[in-house]
């Protein structure tokens, strides 16, 4: 038998939380919340793999990576692991009870599938990554199931905006908070993915604790979210009205973080001069050309961005939040 491992960078708090439990003590519903790109979904997948691993162990965290169950998880074919990303629709009430194999997993699909017995005789685990519900009906279709699931069914939900979830949904879950990664951890993850050390170091600085943001910073795609938000920012500061907005339900949180970084860099250059260190090092020339901000404007804009981030955790229209930010940037 191979030694057990748990390959997740960072997440020291969640690791400590689960390491104190044995398999028989685990609850049935956990909500992993925290910034985008800090490893919530990775942790959920590795936790699921630990619980489904066939190697003899009573600990919650740890899998051998070589058993039949681990191989099925790596291949995405384990019959007791269900995973879906993004908005979940309600689904067809009359759909077949057979095994679901499509990409359009719905709330009712989950209820039907998880009501069945485990194929391997152990846990059945559902991971809903970046969870959102297309309608209240979709959320309500799962509400009772979240509260009283069949024995050995475990739900793992991840979100960067827990405030968007219905309070009736959120109250059914034990919330586990994830913090931003360190620069060194982000760099380690990028290098493991094949990014050259020098480029990984720059990306880790630009990423500010988020692997998602770090990858976007070094992406070649000019249409990436980060590029779109930065272009929007400089057009707004120049007094122009951008023809398109970057803000959608999926991009709002990450876009606001990018704007907050740009404003902080602008403030640093305004207060400390052109040689002040900035986080957006790849756009420092453009930032240096901006009209310096007064101290009062720095406080006002950062406060309004904070307000916008709070609104982003609700169901307020993303376009309305972006427009509010635009108005405060041009006042």
Protein backbone atom coordinates (compact mmCIF):
# COMPACT_ATOMS: atom_id res chain seq x y z
CA UNK A 1 0.00 0.00 0.00
CA UNK A 2 1.31 3.47 -0.90
CA UNK A 3 1.70 6.14 1.76
CA UNK A 4 -1.26 8.47 2.14
CA UNK A 5 -0.99 12.03 0.86
CA UNK A 6 -3.14 15.15 0.55
CA UNK A 7 -1.85 17.31 -2.28
CA UNK A 8 -3.26 20.76 -1.54
CA UNK A 9 -1.18 23.92 -1.17
CA UNK A 10 -2.19 26.29 1.61
CA UNK A 11 -5.62 25.84 3.25
CA UNK A 12 -4.03 25.40 6.67
CA UNK A 13 -7.24 26.27 8.52
CA UNK A 14 -9.43 23.77 6.60
CA UNK A 15 -6.71 21.11 6.92
CA UNK A 16 -6.64 21.57 10.68
CA UNK A 17 -10.44 21.52 10.86
CA UNK A 18 -10.82 18.19 9.02
CA UNK A 19 -7.69 16.56 10.43
CA UNK A 20 -9.33 16.54 13.85
CA UNK A 21 -12.12 14.26 12.62
CA UNK A 22 -12.40 10.60 11.79
CA UNK A 23 -14.49 9.39 8.87
CA UNK A 24 -17.41 8.49 11.12
CA UNK A 25 -17.54 12.04 12.48
CA UNK A 26 -17.85 13.94 9.21
CA UNK A 27 -21.04 15.94 8.64
CA UNK A 28 -23.19 15.79 5.54
CA UNK A 29 -22.90 19.38 4.23
CA UNK A 30 -19.98 21.83 4.04
CA UNK A 31 -19.72 25.24 2.38
CA UNK A 32 -16.18 26.23 1.36
CA UNK A 33 -16.08 30.02 1.08
CA UNK A 34 -13.26 32.43 0.32
CA UNK A 35 -11.64 34.39 -2.51
CA UNK A 36 -11.52 32.98 -6.02
CA UNK A 37 -8.45 30.99 -6.92
CA UNK A 38 -7.34 29.90 -3.45
CA UNK A 39 -7.96 26.17 -3.89
CA UNK A 40 -11.50 25.59 -2.59
CA UNK A 41 -12.47 23.23 -5.42
CA UNK A 42 -9.12 21.48 -5.31
CA UNK A 43 -9.58 20.90 -1.59
CA UNK A 44 -13.13 19.60 -2.15
CA UNK A 45 -11.93 17.12 -4.79
CA UNK A 46 -9.06 15.90 -2.61
CA UNK A 47 -11.38 15.59 0.39
CA UNK A 48 -13.76 13.52 -1.76
CA UNK A 49 -10.86 11.38 -2.94
CA UNK A 50 -9.76 10.84 0.66
CA UNK A 51 -13.24 9.71 1.69
CA UNK A 52 -13.63 7.36 -1.28
CA UNK A 53 -10.07 5.96 -1.24
CA UNK A 54 -9.97 2.20 -0.70
CA UNK A 55 -6.70 2.22 1.25
CA UNK A 56 -7.37 1.27 4.90
CA UNK A 57 -7.42 4.45 7.00
CA UNK A 58 -9.75 6.17 9.43
CA UNK A 59 -8.49 9.71 8.90
CA UNK A 60 -10.51 12.10 6.78
CA UNK A 61 -7.59 13.68 4.91
CA UNK A 62 -5.37 11.34 2.91
CA UNK A 63 -5.50 9.00 -0.08
CA UNK A 64 -2.98 6.66 -1.65
CA UNK A 65 -3.57 7.72 -5.27
CA UNK A 66 -3.16 4.16 -6.57
CA UNK A 67 -6.32 2.26 -5.59
CA UNK A 68 -9.15 1.63 -8.05
CA UNK A 69 -11.22 4.43 -6.52
CA UNK A 70 -8.39 6.99 -6.84
CA UNK A 71 -7.80 5.97 -10.45
CA UNK A 72 -11.50 6.41 -11.22
CA UNK A 73 -11.51 9.86 -9.62
CA UNK A 74 -8.46 10.91 -11.62
CA UNK A 75 -10.23 9.71 -14.77
CA UNK A 76 -13.48 11.44 -13.81
CA UNK A 77 -15.45 8.17 -13.84
CA UNK A 78 -16.13 7.40 -10.18
CA UNK A 79 -19.84 6.49 -9.90
CA UNK A 80 -20.17 7.87 -6.35
CA UNK A 81 -18.72 11.32 -7.07
CA UNK A 82 -20.89 13.96 -8.72
CA UNK A 83 -19.49 17.34 -9.66
CA UNK A 84 -21.01 20.44 -11.24
CA UNK A 85 -19.73 24.00 -11.72
CA UNK A 86 -21.71 27.22 -11.86
CA UNK A 87 -25.45 27.80 -11.96
CA UNK A 88 -27.66 24.80 -11.25
CA UNK A 89 -31.02 24.62 -13.01
CA UNK A 90 -34.07 22.88 -11.61
CA UNK A 91 -34.32 20.07 -14.19
CA UNK A 92 -37.09 17.86 -15.54
CA UNK A 93 -39.46 16.41 -12.95
CA UNK A 94 -40.21 13.43 -15.22
CA UNK A 95 -36.64 12.52 -16.20
CA UNK A 96 -35.44 8.92 -16.05
CA UNK A 97 -34.01 7.56 -12.81
CA UNK A 98 -31.05 6.07 -14.69
CA UNK A 99 -27.42 7.06 -14.10
CA UNK A 100 -26.80 10.66 -15.18
CA UNK A 101 -23.98 10.97 -17.71
CA UNK A 102 -24.55 14.37 -19.31
CA UNK A 103 -22.82 17.69 -18.72
CA UNK A 104 -26.02 19.52 -17.73
CA UNK A 105 -26.45 18.22 -14.20
CA UNK A 106 -29.54 19.76 -12.54
CA UNK A 107 -30.97 19.99 -9.04
CA UNK A 108 -33.46 17.23 -9.71
CA UNK A 109 -30.76 15.05 -11.29
CA UNK A 110 -28.84 15.29 -8.02
CA UNK A 111 -31.85 14.42 -5.89
CA UNK A 112 -32.57 11.36 -8.04
CA UNK A 113 -28.98 10.14 -8.23
CA UNK A 114 -28.01 10.72 -4.61
CA UNK A 115 -31.16 8.99 -3.39
CA UNK A 116 -29.77 5.74 -4.84
CA UNK A 117 -27.46 3.40 -2.95
CA UNK A 118 -23.69 3.85 -3.21
CA UNK A 119 -22.13 1.78 -5.99
CA UNK A 120 -19.09 0.98 -3.86
CA UNK A 121 -20.95 0.66 -0.56
CA UNK A 122 -19.46 3.81 1.00
CA UNK A 123 -19.96 7.56 0.66
CA UNK A 124 -21.73 9.34 -2.18
CA UNK A 125 -20.27 12.82 -2.61
CA UNK A 126 -21.55 15.84 -4.52
CA UNK A 127 -19.28 18.82 -5.27
CA UNK A 128 -20.99 22.00 -6.46
CA UNK A 129 -18.17 24.34 -7.49
CA UNK A 130 -18.73 28.13 -7.65
CA UNK A 131 -22.28 27.24 -6.75
CA UNK A 132 -25.17 29.38 -7.88
CA UNK A 133 -28.80 28.58 -8.49
CA UNK A 134 -30.43 29.67 -11.74
CA UNK A 135 -33.74 30.23 -9.93
CA UNK A 136 -35.19 30.00 -6.43
CA UNK A 137 -37.04 26.92 -7.65
CA UNK A 138 -33.70 25.20 -8.34
CA UNK A 139 -32.50 26.04 -4.83
CA UNK A 140 -35.75 24.89 -3.25
CA UNK A 141 -35.56 21.60 -5.16
CA UNK A 142 -32.48 20.77 -3.09
CA UNK A 143 -33.40 22.47 0.19
CA UNK A 144 -35.06 19.50 1.87
CA UNK A 145 -32.39 17.17 0.50
CA UNK A 146 -29.64 19.35 2.01
CA UNK A 147 -31.40 19.22 5.37
CA UNK A 148 -32.04 15.48 5.50
CA UNK A 149 -29.92 13.65 2.91
CA UNK A 150 -29.74 9.85 2.80
CA UNK A 151 -27.10 8.25 4.99
CA UNK A 152 -23.49 8.59 3.75
CA UNK A 153 -24.31 11.39 1.27
CA UNK A 154 -21.97 14.40 1.59
CA UNK A 155 -22.37 17.80 -0.08
CA UNK A 156 -19.34 20.04 -0.66
CA UNK A 157 -20.22 23.49 -2.01
CA UNK A 158 -17.69 26.18 -2.93
CA UNK A 159 -18.31 29.88 -3.43
CA UNK A 160 -16.50 33.21 -3.47
CA UNK A 161 -19.76 35.00 -2.61
CA UNK A 162 -21.64 33.16 0.15
CA UNK A 163 -23.99 36.13 0.55
CA UNK A 164 -25.60 35.28 -2.78
CA UNK A 165 -26.88 31.98 -1.46
CA UNK A 166 -30.33 31.86 0.09
CA UNK A 167 -30.09 32.01 3.88
CA UNK A 168 -32.21 28.85 4.04
CA UNK A 169 -29.58 27.04 1.95
CA UNK A 170 -26.58 28.48 3.76
CA UNK A 171 -27.96 27.61 7.19
CA UNK A 172 -27.90 23.91 6.30
CA UNK A 173 -24.12 23.91 5.83
CA UNK A 174 -21.06 24.10 8.04
CA UNK A 175 -19.06 26.99 6.56
CA UNK A 176 -15.30 26.52 6.24
CA UNK A 177 -13.34 29.65 5.33
CA UNK A 178 -10.36 29.65 2.96
CA UNK A 179 -7.78 32.43 3.03
CA UNK A 180 -5.63 33.85 0.25
CA UNK A 181 -2.51 31.86 -0.62
CA UNK A 182 0.98 33.20 -0.02
CA UNK A 183 3.07 34.31 -3.00
CA UNK A 184 5.31 31.29 -2.48
CA UNK A 185 2.34 28.90 -2.56
CA UNK A 186 0.97 30.45 -5.75
CA UNK A 187 4.42 30.23 -7.34
CA UNK A 188 4.74 26.56 -6.32
CA UNK A 189 1.38 25.72 -7.92
CA UNK A 190 2.25 27.53 -11.15
CA UNK A 191 5.66 25.87 -11.41
CA UNK A 192 4.02 22.47 -10.84
CA UNK A 193 1.80 23.31 -13.85
CA UNK A 194 4.87 23.95 -16.00
CA UNK A 195 5.25 27.73 -15.72
CA UNK A 196 8.88 28.87 -15.78
CA UNK A 197 10.15 30.01 -12.35
CA UNK A 198 10.76 33.64 -13.38
CA UNK A 199 7.32 33.95 -14.97
CA UNK A 200 5.70 32.12 -12.04
CA UNK A 201 7.31 34.55 -9.58
CA UNK A 202 5.94 37.58 -11.47
CA UNK A 203 2.50 35.98 -11.79
CA UNK A 204 2.42 35.16 -8.07
CA UNK A 205 3.06 38.83 -7.29
CA UNK A 206 0.32 39.97 -9.67
CA UNK A 207 -2.04 37.26 -8.41
CA UNK A 208 -2.11 38.54 -4.82
CA UNK A 209 -2.90 35.19 -3.29
CA UNK A 210 -5.10 33.86 -6.10
CA UNK A 211 -3.96 31.24 -8.60
CA UNK A 212 -6.83 32.24 -10.90
CA UNK A 213 -5.67 35.86 -10.93
CA UNK A 214 -2.03 34.81 -11.33
CA UNK A 215 -2.81 32.69 -14.38
CA UNK A 216 -4.86 35.49 -15.89
CA UNK A 217 -1.97 37.93 -15.40
CA UNK A 218 0.34 35.89 -17.61
CA UNK A 219 -2.26 34.74 -20.13
CA UNK A 220 -1.62 35.67 -23.74
CA UNK A 221 -5.34 36.15 -24.38
CA UNK A 222 -6.06 39.86 -24.91
CA UNK A 223 -9.72 39.09 -24.32
CA UNK A 224 -9.10 37.74 -20.80
CA UNK A 225 -11.11 39.15 -17.92
CA UNK A 226 -8.11 40.94 -16.41
CA UNK A 227 -7.24 42.57 -19.74
CA UNK A 228 -10.86 43.62 -20.21
CA UNK A 229 -11.13 45.14 -16.74
CA UNK A 230 -7.82 47.00 -17.08
CA UNK A 231 -8.84 48.38 -20.47
CA UNK A 232 -12.21 49.46 -19.02
CA UNK A 233 -10.46 51.18 -16.10
CA UNK A 234 -8.15 53.30 -18.24
CA UNK A 235 -11.01 54.26 -20.60
CA UNK A 236 -13.11 55.39 -17.63
CA UNK A 237 -10.25 57.42 -16.12
CA UNK A 238 -9.70 59.02 -19.54
CA UNK A 239 -13.29 60.26 -19.49
CA UNK A 240 -14.61 57.82 -22.07
CA UNK A 241 -17.62 55.54 -21.70
CA UNK A 242 -16.53 51.99 -22.52
CA UNK A 243 -18.78 50.41 -25.18
CA UNK A 244 -18.97 47.12 -23.28
CA UNK A 245 -18.93 46.11 -19.64
CA UNK A 246 -16.88 43.28 -18.15
CA UNK A 247 -19.34 42.68 -15.33
CA UNK A 248 -21.34 39.47 -15.24
CA UNK A 249 -22.43 37.29 -12.32
CA UNK A 250 -19.40 35.06 -12.94
CA UNK A 251 -16.81 37.84 -13.38
CA UNK A 252 -17.93 40.48 -10.89
CA UNK A 253 -15.87 39.44 -7.85
CA UNK A 254 -12.63 38.96 -9.77
CA UNK A 255 -13.14 42.16 -11.76
CA UNK A 256 -13.65 44.24 -8.62
CA UNK A 257 -10.45 42.81 -7.11
CA UNK A 258 -8.55 43.85 -10.25
CA UNK A 259 -10.01 47.37 -10.04
CA UNK A 260 -9.14 47.60 -6.35
CA UNK A 261 -5.52 46.70 -7.11
CA UNK A 262 -5.32 49.34 -9.84
CA UNK A 263 -6.74 52.02 -7.54
CA UNK A 264 -4.34 51.07 -4.74
CA UNK A 265 -1.40 51.29 -7.16
CA UNK A 266 -2.67 54.65 -8.44
CA UNK A 267 -2.91 55.86 -4.84
CA UNK A 268 0.61 54.64 -4.01
CA UNK A 269 2.08 56.46 -7.01
CA UNK A 270 0.08 59.60 -6.16
CA UNK A 271 1.27 59.69 -2.55
CA UNK A 272 4.78 58.23 -2.68
CA UNK A 273 5.82 59.26 -6.18
CA UNK A 274 6.66 57.43 -9.44
CA UNK A 275 9.12 55.03 -7.82
CA UNK A 276 6.57 53.60 -5.37
CA UNK A 277 6.26 49.80 -5.57
CA UNK A 278 3.06 48.65 -7.27
CA UNK A 279 1.28 45.32 -7.59
CA UNK A 280 0.25 45.84 -11.24
CA UNK A 281 3.86 45.95 -12.36
CA UNK A 282 2.94 45.15 -15.97
CA UNK A 283 0.91 48.40 -16.21
CA UNK A 284 3.07 50.73 -14.14
CA UNK A 285 3.89 53.02 -17.11
CA UNK A 286 0.21 53.69 -17.79
CA UNK A 287 -0.50 54.19 -14.08
CA UNK A 288 2.31 56.75 -13.79
CA UNK A 289 0.64 58.85 -16.49
CA UNK A 290 -2.58 59.25 -14.52
CA UNK A 291 -3.40 62.52 -12.76
CA UNK A 292 -2.34 62.09 -9.10
CA UNK A 293 -5.16 61.40 -6.65
CA UNK A 294 -5.77 63.62 -3.64
CA UNK A 295 -5.80 61.85 -0.26
CA UNK A 296 -9.53 62.45 0.10
CA UNK A 297 -10.20 60.90 -3.32
CA UNK A 298 -8.15 57.83 -2.41
CA UNK A 299 -10.27 57.22 0.69
CA UNK A 300 -13.52 57.89 -1.17
CA UNK A 301 -12.81 55.59 -4.12
CA UNK A 302 -11.52 52.73 -1.97
CA UNK A 303 -14.55 53.05 0.30
CA UNK A 304 -16.91 52.91 -2.68
CA UNK A 305 -15.07 49.87 -4.06
CA UNK A 306 -15.58 48.23 -0.68
CA UNK A 307 -19.29 49.02 -0.95
CA UNK A 308 -19.32 47.54 -4.45
CA UNK A 309 -17.73 44.32 -3.20
CA UNK A 310 -20.41 44.02 -0.53
CA UNK A 311 -23.11 44.54 -3.15
CA UNK A 312 -21.45 41.91 -5.34
CA UNK A 313 -22.22 39.35 -2.63
CA UNK A 314 -25.94 39.99 -3.10
CA UNK A 315 -28.21 39.54 -6.09
CA UNK A 316 -27.84 43.15 -7.28
CA UNK A 317 -27.32 43.41 -11.05
CA UNK A 318 -23.59 43.13 -11.93
CA UNK A 319 -24.02 45.87 -14.54
CA UNK A 320 -25.42 48.21 -11.88
CA UNK A 321 -22.43 47.54 -9.60
CA UNK A 322 -19.99 48.28 -12.45
CA UNK A 323 -21.84 51.49 -13.30
CA UNK A 324 -21.66 52.60 -9.67
CA UNK A 325 -17.88 52.05 -9.72
CA UNK A 326 -17.56 53.96 -13.00
CA UNK A 327 -19.37 56.96 -11.55
CA UNK A 328 -17.11 57.09 -8.50
CA UNK A 329 -13.95 56.77 -10.60
CA UNK A 330 -14.93 59.82 -12.69
CA UNK A 331 -16.24 62.15 -9.94
